Amino acid sequence: RVAGEAYAAGGIRTTVAATRAASDEDLAAGVARHVEEMRRQGT
């Protein structure tokens, strides 16, 4: 994208494939990591 390609909503499907393949534990660990990252920045 930063090389010049336009953003489109279709890229969401890439994350859909990875998310479907992940375990519940891996998904929860990712949320925990990002929530803690937010917390350190005041959210």
PDB file of all heavy atoms in Angstrom:
ATOM      1  N   ARG A   1       0.831  -1.208   0.000  1.00  0.00           N
ATOM      2  CA  ARG A   1       0.000   0.000   0.000  1.00  0.00           C
ATOM      3  C   ARG A   1       0.864   1.256   0.000  1.00  0.00           C
ATOM      4  O   ARG A   1       0.585   2.216  -0.725  1.00  0.00           O
ATOM      5  CB  ARG A   1      -0.941  -0.024   1.202  1.00  0.00           C
ATOM      6  CG  ARG A   1      -1.972   1.068   1.175  1.00  0.00           C
ATOM      7  CD  ARG A   1      -3.114   0.789   2.145  1.00  0.00           C
ATOM      8  NE  ARG A   1      -2.696   0.820   3.536  1.00  0.00           N
ATOM      9  CZ  ARG A   1      -2.748  -0.215   4.360  1.00  0.00           C
ATOM     10  NH1 ARG A   1      -3.188  -1.390   3.916  1.00  0.00           N
ATOM     11  NH2 ARG A   1      -2.369  -0.108   5.612  1.00  0.00           N
ATOM     12  N   VAL A   2       1.892   1.278   0.838  1.00  0.00           N
ATOM     13  CA  VAL A   2       2.727   2.480   0.878  1.00  0.00           C
ATOM     14  C   VAL A   2       3.577   2.606  -0.380  1.00  0.00           C
ATOM     15  O   VAL A   2       4.121   3.685  -0.658  1.00  0.00           O
ATOM     16  CB  VAL A   2       3.621   2.522   2.145  1.00  0.00           C
ATOM     17  CG1 VAL A   2       2.769   2.577   3.393  1.00  0.00           C
ATOM     18  CG2 VAL A   2       4.590   1.352   2.197  1.00  0.00           C
ATOM     19  N   ALA A   3       3.639   1.519  -1.156  1.00  0.00           N
ATOM     20  CA  ALA A   3       4.321   1.593  -2.451  1.00  0.00           C
ATOM     21  C   ALA A   3       3.398   2.063  -3.562  1.00  0.00           C
ATOM     22  O   ALA A   3       3.825   2.219  -4.703  1.00  0.00           O
ATOM     23  CB  ALA A   3       4.911   0.232  -2.807  1.00  0.00           C
ATOM     24  N   GLY A   4       2.111   2.270  -3.206  1.00  0.00           N
ATOM     25  CA  GLY A   4       1.224   2.866  -4.196  1.00  0.00           C
ATOM     26  C   GLY A   4      -0.059   2.129  -4.490  1.00  0.00           C
ATOM     27  O   GLY A   4      -0.928   2.645  -5.187  1.00  0.00           O
ATOM     28  N   GLU A   5      -0.232   0.918  -3.959  1.00  0.00           N
ATOM     29  CA  GLU A   5      -1.472   0.191  -4.212  1.00  0.00           C
ATOM     30  C   GLU A   5      -2.589   0.750  -3.340  1.00  0.00           C
ATOM     31  O   GLU A   5      -2.359   1.145  -2.198  1.00  0.00           O
ATOM     32  CB  GLU A   5      -1.281  -1.306  -3.928  1.00  0.00           C
ATOM     33  CG  GLU A   5      -0.319  -1.986  -4.884  1.00  0.00           C
ATOM     34  CD  GLU A   5      -0.224  -3.484  -4.639  1.00  0.00           C
ATOM     35  OE1 GLU A   5      -1.116  -4.027  -3.957  1.00  0.00           O
ATOM     36  OE2 GLU A   5       0.738  -4.097  -5.117  1.00  0.00           O
ATOM     37  N   ALA A   6      -3.809   0.760  -3.863  1.00  0.00           N
ATOM     38  CA  ALA A   6      -4.953   1.320  -3.147  1.00  0.00           C
ATOM     39  C   ALA A   6      -5.449   0.341  -2.086  1.00  0.00           C
ATOM     40  O   ALA A   6      -5.396  -0.878  -2.263  1.00  0.00           O
ATOM     41  CB  ALA A   6      -6.081   1.646  -4.119  1.00  0.00           C
ATOM     42  N   TYR A   7      -5.953   0.894  -0.960  1.00  0.00           N
ATOM     43  CA  TYR A   7      -6.569   0.050   0.060  1.00  0.00           C
ATOM     44  C   TYR A   7      -7.950  -0.367  -0.397  1.00  0.00           C
ATOM     45  O   TYR A   7      -8.706   0.417  -0.955  1.00  0.00           O
ATOM     46  CB  TYR A   7      -6.697   0.800   1.399  1.00  0.00           C
ATOM     47  CG  TYR A   7      -7.509   0.025   2.412  1.00  0.00           C
ATOM     48  CD1 TYR A   7      -6.980  -1.105   3.009  1.00  0.00           C
ATOM     49  CD2 TYR A   7      -8.815   0.396   2.718  1.00  0.00           C
ATOM     50  CE1 TYR A   7      -7.725  -1.845   3.925  1.00  0.00           C
ATOM     51  CE2 TYR A   7      -9.564  -0.329   3.630  1.00  0.00           C
ATOM     52  CZ  TYR A   7      -9.017  -1.449   4.229  1.00  0.00           C
ATOM     53  OH  TYR A   7      -9.755  -2.178   5.123  1.00  0.00           O
ATOM     54  N   ALA A   8      -8.301  -1.636  -0.153  1.00  0.00           N
ATOM     55  CA  ALA A   8      -9.643  -2.137  -0.430  1.00  0.00           C
ATOM     56  C   ALA A   8     -10.032  -3.095   0.685  1.00  0.00           C
ATOM     57  O   ALA A   8      -9.181  -3.700   1.336  1.00  0.00           O
ATOM     58  CB  ALA A   8      -9.689  -2.858  -1.776  1.00  0.00           C
ATOM     59  N   ALA A   9     -11.345  -3.269   0.884  1.00  0.00           N
ATOM     60  CA  ALA A   9     -11.823  -4.092   1.992  1.00  0.00           C
ATOM     61  C   ALA A   9     -11.479  -5.564   1.823  1.00  0.00           C
ATOM     62  O   ALA A   9     -11.513  -6.331   2.781  1.00  0.00           O
ATOM     63  CB  ALA A   9     -13.343  -3.923   2.128  1.00  0.00           C
ATOM     64  N   GLY A  10     -11.124  -5.989   0.619  1.00  0.00           N
ATOM     65  CA  GLY A  10     -10.842  -7.400   0.364  1.00  0.00           C
ATOM     66  C   GLY A  10      -9.709  -7.976   1.179  1.00  0.00           C
ATOM     67  O   GLY A  10      -9.622  -9.198   1.393  1.00  0.00           O
ATOM     68  N   GLY A  11      -8.804  -7.138   1.647  1.00  0.00           N
ATOM     69  CA  GLY A  11      -7.695  -7.636   2.454  1.00  0.00           C
ATOM     70  C   GLY A  11      -8.136  -8.281   3.750  1.00  0.00           C
ATOM     71  O   GLY A  11      -7.380  -9.058   4.357  1.00  0.00           O
ATOM     72  N   ILE A  12      -9.352  -7.984   4.187  1.00  0.00           N
ATOM     73  CA  ILE A  12      -9.888  -8.580   5.404  1.00  0.00           C
ATOM     74  C   ILE A  12      -9.862 -10.104   5.306  1.00  0.00           C
ATOM     75  O   ILE A  12      -9.633 -10.804   6.299  1.00  0.00           O
ATOM     76  CB  ILE A  12     -11.317  -8.063   5.661  1.00  0.00           C
ATOM     77  CG1 ILE A  12     -11.285  -6.571   6.004  1.00  0.00           C
ATOM     78  CG2 ILE A  12     -12.022  -8.856   6.751  1.00  0.00           C
ATOM     79  CD1 ILE A  12     -12.644  -5.892   5.969  1.00  0.00           C
ATOM     80  N   ARG A  13     -10.069 -10.634   4.114  1.00  0.00           N
ATOM     81  CA  ARG A  13     -10.150 -12.091   3.957  1.00  0.00           C
ATOM     82  C   ARG A  13      -8.829 -12.775   4.298  1.00  0.00           C
ATOM     83  O   ARG A  13      -8.818 -13.940   4.699  1.00  0.00           O
ATOM     84  CB  ARG A  13     -10.591 -12.432   2.533  1.00  0.00           C
ATOM     85  CG  ARG A  13     -12.007 -11.942   2.213  1.00  0.00           C
ATOM     86  CD  ARG A  13     -12.476 -12.333   0.831  1.00  0.00           C
ATOM     87  NE  ARG A  13     -13.838 -11.864   0.576  1.00  0.00           N
ATOM     88  CZ  ARG A  13     -14.148 -10.681   0.072  1.00  0.00           C
ATOM     89  NH1 ARG A  13     -13.182  -9.833  -0.239  1.00  0.00           N
ATOM     90  NH2 ARG A  13     -15.400 -10.328  -0.125  1.00  0.00           N
ATOM     91  N   THR A  14      -7.718 -12.084   4.153  1.00  0.00           N
ATOM     92  CA  THR A  14      -6.426 -12.645   4.546  1.00  0.00           C
ATOM     93  C   THR A  14      -6.401 -12.929   6.047  1.00  0.00           C
ATOM     94  O   THR A  14      -5.951 -13.991   6.494  1.00  0.00           O
ATOM     95  CB  THR A  14      -5.294 -11.662   4.191  1.00  0.00           C
ATOM     96  OG1 THR A  14      -5.336 -11.386   2.795  1.00  0.00           O
ATOM     97  CG2 THR A  14      -3.940 -12.230   4.569  1.00  0.00           C
ATOM     98  N   THR A  15      -6.901 -11.977   6.825  1.00  0.00           N
ATOM     99  CA  THR A  15      -6.949 -12.167   8.269  1.00  0.00           C
ATOM    100  C   THR A  15      -7.980 -13.214   8.651  1.00  0.00           C
ATOM    101  O   THR A  15      -7.787 -13.951   9.632  1.00  0.00           O
ATOM    102  CB  THR A  15      -7.251 -10.830   8.962  1.00  0.00           C
ATOM    103  OG1 THR A  15      -6.230  -9.892   8.619  1.00  0.00           O
ATOM    104  CG2 THR A  15      -7.303 -10.979  10.469  1.00  0.00           C
ATOM    105  N   VAL A  16      -9.064 -13.317   7.909  1.00  0.00           N
ATOM    106  CA  VAL A  16     -10.073 -14.338   8.186  1.00  0.00           C
ATOM    107  C   VAL A  16      -9.450 -15.726   8.133  1.00  0.00           C
ATOM    108  O   VAL A  16      -9.662 -16.555   9.035  1.00  0.00           O
ATOM    109  CB  VAL A  16     -11.249 -14.223   7.200  1.00  0.00           C
ATOM    110  CG1 VAL A  16     -12.171 -15.443   7.303  1.00  0.00           C
ATOM    111  CG2 VAL A  16     -12.051 -12.949   7.465  1.00  0.00           C
ATOM    112  N   ALA A  17      -8.658 -15.991   7.122  1.00  0.00           N
ATOM    113  CA  ALA A  17      -8.039 -17.319   6.996  1.00  0.00           C
ATOM    114  C   ALA A  17      -7.130 -17.618   8.178  1.00  0.00           C
ATOM    115  O   ALA A  17      -7.160 -18.722   8.749  1.00  0.00           O
ATOM    116  CB  ALA A  17      -7.268 -17.406   5.690  1.00  0.00           C
ATOM    117  N   ALA A  18      -6.318 -16.651   8.576  1.00  0.00           N
ATOM    118  CA  ALA A  18      -5.394 -16.870   9.693  1.00  0.00           C
ATOM    119  C   ALA A  18      -6.147 -17.030  11.002  1.00  0.00           C
ATOM    120  O   ALA A  18      -5.776 -17.850  11.859  1.00  0.00           O
ATOM    121  CB  ALA A  18      -4.414 -15.706   9.787  1.00  0.00           C
ATOM    122  N   THR A  19      -7.209 -16.258  11.186  1.00  0.00           N
ATOM    123  CA  THR A  19      -7.967 -16.296  12.437  1.00  0.00           C
ATOM    124  C   THR A  19      -8.714 -17.614  12.581  1.00  0.00           C
ATOM    125  O   THR A  19      -8.753 -18.215  13.662  1.00  0.00           O
ATOM    126  CB  THR A  19      -8.940 -15.108  12.501  1.00  0.00           C
ATOM    127  OG1 THR A  19      -8.198 -13.895  12.377  1.00  0.00           O
ATOM    128  CG2 THR A  19      -9.719 -15.097  13.808  1.00  0.00           C
ATOM    129  N   ARG A  20      -9.291 -18.086  11.514  1.00  0.00           N
ATOM    130  CA  ARG A  20      -9.979 -19.379  11.570  1.00  0.00           C
ATOM    131  C   ARG A  20      -9.029 -20.497  11.969  1.00  0.00           C
ATOM    132  O   ARG A  20      -9.412 -21.445  12.667  1.00  0.00           O
ATOM    133  CB  ARG A  20     -10.608 -19.689  10.214  1.00  0.00           C
ATOM    134  CG  ARG A  20     -11.818 -18.847   9.859  1.00  0.00           C
ATOM    135  CD  ARG A  20     -12.333 -19.223   8.481  1.00  0.00           C
ATOM    136  NE  ARG A  20     -13.550 -18.488   8.123  1.00  0.00           N
ATOM    137  CZ  ARG A  20     -14.195 -18.641   6.964  1.00  0.00           C
ATOM    138  NH1 ARG A  20     -13.718 -19.491   6.051  1.00  0.00           N
ATOM    139  NH2 ARG A  20     -15.292 -17.947   6.716  1.00  0.00           N
ATOM    140  N   ALA A  21      -7.782 -20.401  11.526  1.00  0.00           N
ATOM    141  CA  ALA A  21      -6.815 -21.474  11.783  1.00  0.00           C
ATOM    142  C   ALA A  21      -6.210 -21.414  13.185  1.00  0.00           C
ATOM    143  O   ALA A  21      -5.577 -22.369  13.634  1.00  0.00           O
ATOM    144  CB  ALA A  21      -5.691 -21.410  10.747  1.00  0.00           C
ATOM    145  N   ALA A  22      -6.387 -20.298  13.884  1.00  0.00           N
ATOM    146  CA  ALA A  22      -5.765 -20.114  15.199  1.00  0.00           C
ATOM    147  C   ALA A  22      -6.585 -20.790  16.292  1.00  0.00           C
ATOM    148  O   ALA A  22      -7.804 -20.947  16.177  1.00  0.00           O
ATOM    149  CB  ALA A  22      -5.631 -18.623  15.505  1.00  0.00           C
ATOM    150  N   SER A  23      -5.905 -21.170  17.363  1.00  0.00           N
ATOM    151  CA  SER A  23      -6.591 -21.745  18.524  1.00  0.00           C
ATOM    152  C   SER A  23      -7.213 -20.642  19.372  1.00  0.00           C
ATOM    153  O   SER A  23      -6.831 -19.474  19.277  1.00  0.00           O
ATOM    154  CB  SER A  23      -5.604 -22.536  19.379  1.00  0.00           C
ATOM    155  OG  SER A  23      -4.665 -21.662  19.991  1.00  0.00           O
ATOM    156  N   ASP A  24      -8.144 -21.033  20.227  1.00  0.00           N
ATOM    157  CA  ASP A  24      -8.726 -20.070  21.160  1.00  0.00           C
ATOM    158  C   ASP A  24      -7.645 -19.445  22.031  1.00  0.00           C
ATOM    159  O   ASP A  24      -7.676 -18.239  22.311  1.00  0.00           O
ATOM    160  CB  ASP A  24      -9.750 -20.749  22.068  1.00  0.00           C
ATOM    161  CG  ASP A  24     -11.011 -21.172  21.342  1.00  0.00           C
ATOM    162  OD1 ASP A  24     -11.042 -21.100  20.099  1.00  0.00           O
ATOM    163  OD2 ASP A  24     -11.970 -21.585  22.022  1.00  0.00           O
ATOM    164  N   GLU A  25      -6.697 -20.275  22.456  1.00  0.00           N
ATOM    165  CA  GLU A  25      -5.630 -19.787  23.331  1.00  0.00           C
ATOM    166  C   GLU A  25      -4.768 -18.753  22.626  1.00  0.00           C
ATOM    167  O   GLU A  25      -4.376 -17.742  23.228  1.00  0.00           O
ATOM    168  CB  GLU A  25      -4.778 -20.951  23.819  1.00  0.00           C
ATOM    169  CG  GLU A  25      -5.482 -21.920  24.740  1.00  0.00           C
ATOM    170  CD  GLU A  25      -6.463 -22.852  24.025  1.00  0.00           C
ATOM    171  OE1 GLU A  25      -6.378 -22.983  22.777  1.00  0.00           O
ATOM    172  OE2 GLU A  25      -7.335 -23.432  24.716  1.00  0.00           O
ATOM    173  N   ASP A  26      -4.471 -18.990  21.362  1.00  0.00           N
ATOM    174  CA  ASP A  26      -3.662 -18.031  20.619  1.00  0.00           C
ATOM    175  C   ASP A  26      -4.411 -16.721  20.409  1.00  0.00           C
ATOM    176  O   ASP A  26      -3.831 -15.629  20.508  1.00  0.00           O
ATOM    177  CB  ASP A  26      -3.240 -18.616  19.270  1.00  0.00           C
ATOM    178  CG  ASP A  26      -2.157 -19.674  19.399  1.00  0.00           C
ATOM    179  OD1 ASP A  26      -1.514 -19.736  20.471  1.00  0.00           O
ATOM    180  OD2 ASP A  26      -1.964 -20.439  18.438  1.00  0.00           O
ATOM    181  N   LEU A  27      -5.705 -16.814  20.126  1.00  0.00           N
ATOM    182  CA  LEU A  27      -6.490 -15.593  19.946  1.00  0.00           C
ATOM    183  C   LEU A  27      -6.560 -14.799  21.242  1.00  0.00           C
ATOM    184  O   LEU A  27      -6.397 -13.575  21.245  1.00  0.00           O
ATOM    185  CB  LEU A  27      -7.898 -15.932  19.461  1.00  0.00           C
ATOM    186  CG  LEU A  27      -8.006 -16.502  18.040  1.00  0.00           C
ATOM    187  CD1 LEU A  27      -9.458 -16.846  17.733  1.00  0.00           C
ATOM    188  CD2 LEU A  27      -7.465 -15.538  17.000  1.00  0.00           C
ATOM    189  N   ALA A  28      -6.786 -15.485  22.360  1.00  0.00           N
ATOM    190  CA  ALA A  28      -6.856 -14.792  23.655  1.00  0.00           C
ATOM    191  C   ALA A  28      -5.523 -14.161  24.009  1.00  0.00           C
ATOM    192  O   ALA A  28      -5.479 -13.044  24.551  1.00  0.00           O
ATOM    193  CB  ALA A  28      -7.294 -15.766  24.744  1.00  0.00           C
ATOM    194  N   ALA A  29      -4.429 -14.849  23.704  1.00  0.00           N
ATOM    195  CA  ALA A  29      -3.107 -14.283  23.994  1.00  0.00           C
ATOM    196  C   ALA A  29      -2.873 -13.019  23.182  1.00  0.00           C
ATOM    197  O   ALA A  29      -2.283 -12.044  23.671  1.00  0.00           O
ATOM    198  CB  ALA A  29      -2.020 -15.311  23.703  1.00  0.00           C
ATOM    199  N   GLY A  30      -3.341 -13.004  21.940  1.00  0.00           N
ATOM    200  CA  GLY A  30      -3.196 -11.806  21.112  1.00  0.00           C
ATOM    201  C   GLY A  30      -4.006 -10.640  21.648  1.00  0.00           C
ATOM    202  O   GLY A  30      -3.521  -9.506  21.694  1.00  0.00           O
ATOM    203  N   VAL A  31      -5.244 -10.906  22.074  1.00  0.00           N
ATOM    204  CA  VAL A  31      -6.056  -9.835  22.651  1.00  0.00           C
ATOM    205  C   VAL A  31      -5.401  -9.308  23.918  1.00  0.00           C
ATOM    206  O   VAL A  31      -5.304  -8.092  24.130  1.00  0.00           O
ATOM    207  CB  VAL A  31      -7.489 -10.322  22.940  1.00  0.00           C
ATOM    208  CG1 VAL A  31      -8.294  -9.213  23.616  1.00  0.00           C
ATOM    209  CG2 VAL A  31      -8.182 -10.759  21.660  1.00  0.00           C
ATOM    210  N   ALA A  32      -4.920 -10.219  24.776  1.00  0.00           N
ATOM    211  CA  ALA A  32      -4.288  -9.800  26.028  1.00  0.00           C
ATOM    212  C   ALA A  32      -3.085  -8.907  25.757  1.00  0.00           C
ATOM    213  O   ALA A  32      -2.885  -7.890  26.449  1.00  0.00           O
ATOM    214  CB  ALA A  32      -3.864 -11.027  26.841  1.00  0.00           C
ATOM    215  N   ARG A  33      -2.303  -9.264  24.757  1.00  0.00           N
ATOM    216  CA  ARG A  33      -1.119  -8.467  24.426  1.00  0.00           C
ATOM    217  C   ARG A  33      -1.514  -7.068  23.969  1.00  0.00           C
ATOM    218  O   ARG A  33      -0.917  -6.065  24.394  1.00  0.00           O
ATOM    219  CB  ARG A  33      -0.315  -9.164  23.328  1.00  0.00           C
ATOM    220  CG  ARG A  33       0.986  -8.463  22.952  1.00  0.00           C
ATOM    221  CD  ARG A  33       1.803  -9.293  21.985  1.00  0.00           C
ATOM    222  NE  ARG A  33       1.158  -9.450  20.684  1.00  0.00           N
ATOM    223  CZ  ARG A  33       0.567 -10.554  20.254  1.00  0.00           C
ATOM    224  NH1 ARG A  33       0.506 -11.630  21.030  1.00  0.00           N
ATOM    225  NH2 ARG A  33       0.012 -10.616  19.052  1.00  0.00           N
ATOM    226  N   HIS A  34      -2.528  -6.981  23.143  1.00  0.00           N
ATOM    227  CA  HIS A  34      -2.927  -5.675  22.636  1.00  0.00           C
ATOM    228  C   HIS A  34      -3.646  -4.835  23.689  1.00  0.00           C
ATOM    229  O   HIS A  34      -3.473  -3.612  23.734  1.00  0.00           O
ATOM    230  CB  HIS A  34      -3.801  -5.848  21.389  1.00  0.00           C
ATOM    231  CG  HIS A  34      -3.050  -6.311  20.191  1.00  0.00           C
ATOM    232  ND1 HIS A  34      -3.058  -7.617  19.760  1.00  0.00           N
ATOM    233  CD2 HIS A  34      -2.218  -5.643  19.348  1.00  0.00           C
ATOM    234  CE1 HIS A  34      -2.287  -7.740  18.694  1.00  0.00           C
ATOM    235  NE2 HIS A  34      -1.764  -6.557  18.423  1.00  0.00           N
ATOM    236  N   VAL A  35      -4.447  -5.464  24.543  1.00  0.00           N
ATOM    237  CA  VAL A  35      -5.097  -4.715  25.618  1.00  0.00           C
ATOM    238  C   VAL A  35      -4.056  -4.150  26.584  1.00  0.00           C
ATOM    239  O   VAL A  35      -4.164  -2.999  27.034  1.00  0.00           O
ATOM    240  CB  VAL A  35      -6.122  -5.598  26.348  1.00  0.00           C
ATOM    241  CG1 VAL A  35      -6.590  -4.942  27.644  1.00  0.00           C
ATOM    242  CG2 VAL A  35      -7.327  -5.871  25.448  1.00  0.00           C
ATOM    243  N   GLU A  36      -3.038  -4.930  26.889  1.00  0.00           N
ATOM    244  CA  GLU A  36      -1.979  -4.428  27.761  1.00  0.00           C
ATOM    245  C   GLU A  36      -1.212  -3.294  27.080  1.00  0.00           C
ATOM    246  O   GLU A  36      -0.826  -2.312  27.722  1.00  0.00           O
ATOM    247  CB  GLU A  36      -1.019  -5.561  28.127  1.00  0.00           C
ATOM    248  CG  GLU A  36       0.173  -5.129  28.960  1.00  0.00           C
ATOM    249  CD  GLU A  36      -0.191  -4.436  30.261  1.00  0.00           C
ATOM    250  OE1 GLU A  36      -1.285  -4.708  30.804  1.00  0.00           O
ATOM    251  OE2 GLU A  36       0.606  -3.602  30.734  1.00  0.00           O
ATOM    252  N   GLU A  37      -1.002  -3.412  25.790  1.00  0.00           N
ATOM    253  CA  GLU A  37      -0.350  -2.342  25.022  1.00  0.00           C
ATOM    254  C   GLU A  37      -1.181  -1.063  25.099  1.00  0.00           C
ATOM    255  O   GLU A  37      -0.647   0.042  25.305  1.00  0.00           O
ATOM    256  CB  GLU A  37      -0.214  -2.812  23.578  1.00  0.00           C
ATOM    257  CG  GLU A  37       0.605  -1.967  22.658  1.00  0.00           C
ATOM    258  CD  GLU A  37       0.726  -2.629  21.294  1.00  0.00           C
ATOM    259  OE1 GLU A  37       1.597  -3.513  21.129  1.00  0.00           O
ATOM    260  OE2 GLU A  37      -0.078  -2.304  20.402  1.00  0.00           O
ATOM    261  N   MET A  38      -2.493  -1.203  24.961  1.00  0.00           N
ATOM    262  CA  MET A  38      -3.387  -0.047  25.095  1.00  0.00           C
ATOM    263  C   MET A  38      -3.325   0.536  26.499  1.00  0.00           C
ATOM    264  O   MET A  38      -3.285   1.760  26.677  1.00  0.00           O
ATOM    265  CB  MET A  38      -4.824  -0.469  24.778  1.00  0.00           C
ATOM    266  CG  MET A  38      -5.096  -0.768  23.326  1.00  0.00           C
ATOM    267  SD  MET A  38      -6.800  -1.341  23.118  1.00  0.00           S
ATOM    268  CE  MET A  38      -6.994  -1.156  21.333  1.00  0.00           C
ATOM    269  N   ARG A  39      -3.317  -0.347  27.499  1.00  0.00           N
ATOM    270  CA  ARG A  39      -3.308   0.105  28.885  1.00  0.00           C
ATOM    271  C   ARG A  39      -2.074   0.950  29.170  1.00  0.00           C
ATOM    272  O   ARG A  39      -2.151   1.974  29.859  1.00  0.00           O
ATOM    273  CB  ARG A  39      -3.355  -1.118  29.803  1.00  0.00           C
ATOM    274  CG  ARG A  39      -3.503  -0.834  31.284  1.00  0.00           C
ATOM    275  CD  ARG A  39      -4.846  -0.250  31.628  1.00  0.00           C
ATOM    276  NE  ARG A  39      -5.974  -0.963  31.078  1.00  0.00           N
ATOM    277  CZ  ARG A  39      -6.512  -2.075  31.597  1.00  0.00           C
ATOM    278  NH1 ARG A  39      -6.021  -2.599  32.688  1.00  0.00           N
ATOM    279  NH2 ARG A  39      -7.551  -2.640  31.020  1.00  0.00           N
ATOM    280  N   ARG A  40      -0.927   0.538  28.651  1.00  0.00           N
ATOM    281  CA  ARG A  40       0.295   1.313  28.873  1.00  0.00           C
ATOM    282  C   ARG A  40       0.217   2.693  28.245  1.00  0.00           C
ATOM    283  O   ARG A  40       0.958   3.597  28.632  1.00  0.00           O
ATOM    284  CB  ARG A  40       1.511   0.561  28.309  1.00  0.00           C
ATOM    285  CG  ARG A  40       1.865  -0.712  29.049  1.00  0.00           C
ATOM    286  CD  ARG A  40       3.264  -1.182  28.688  1.00  0.00           C
ATOM    287  NE  ARG A  40       3.445  -1.419  27.270  1.00  0.00           N
ATOM    288  CZ  ARG A  40       3.235  -2.580  26.663  1.00  0.00           C
ATOM    289  NH1 ARG A  40       2.803  -3.629  27.353  1.00  0.00           N
ATOM    290  NH2 ARG A  40       3.434  -2.712  25.362  1.00  0.00           N
ATOM    291  N   GLN A  41      -0.686   2.871  27.280  1.00  0.00           N
ATOM    292  CA  GLN A  41      -0.848   4.160  26.604  1.00  0.00           C
ATOM    293  C   GLN A  41      -2.086   4.905  27.078  1.00  0.00           C
ATOM    294  O   GLN A  41      -2.501   5.872  26.460  1.00  0.00           O
ATOM    295  CB  GLN A  41      -0.892   3.936  25.093  1.00  0.00           C
ATOM    296  CG  GLN A  41       0.398   3.319  24.558  1.00  0.00           C
ATOM    297  CD  GLN A  41       0.289   2.958  23.095  1.00  0.00           C
ATOM    298  OE1 GLN A  41       0.618   3.764  22.224  1.00  0.00           O
ATOM    299  NE2 GLN A  41      -0.198   1.764  22.803  1.00  0.00           N
ATOM    300  N   GLY A  42      -2.668   4.445  28.198  1.00  0.00           N
ATOM    301  CA  GLY A  42      -3.725   5.205  28.840  1.00  0.00           C
ATOM    302  C   GLY A  42      -5.148   4.782  28.552  1.00  0.00           C
ATOM    303  O   GLY A  42      -6.084   5.393  29.065  1.00  0.00           O
ATOM    304  N   THR A  43      -5.348   3.745  27.746  1.00  0.00           N
ATOM    305  CA  THR A  43      -6.710   3.298  27.451  1.00  0.00           C
ATOM    306  C   THR A  43      -7.203   2.388  28.567  1.00  0.00           C
ATOM    307  O   THR A  43      -6.566   1.384  28.887  1.00  0.00           O
ATOM    308  CB  THR A  43      -6.772   2.547  26.113  1.00  0.00           C
ATOM    309  OG1 THR A  43      -6.447   3.461  25.059  1.00  0.00           O
ATOM    310  CG2 THR A  43      -8.152   1.980  25.849  1.00  0.00           C
TER     311      THR A  43
END
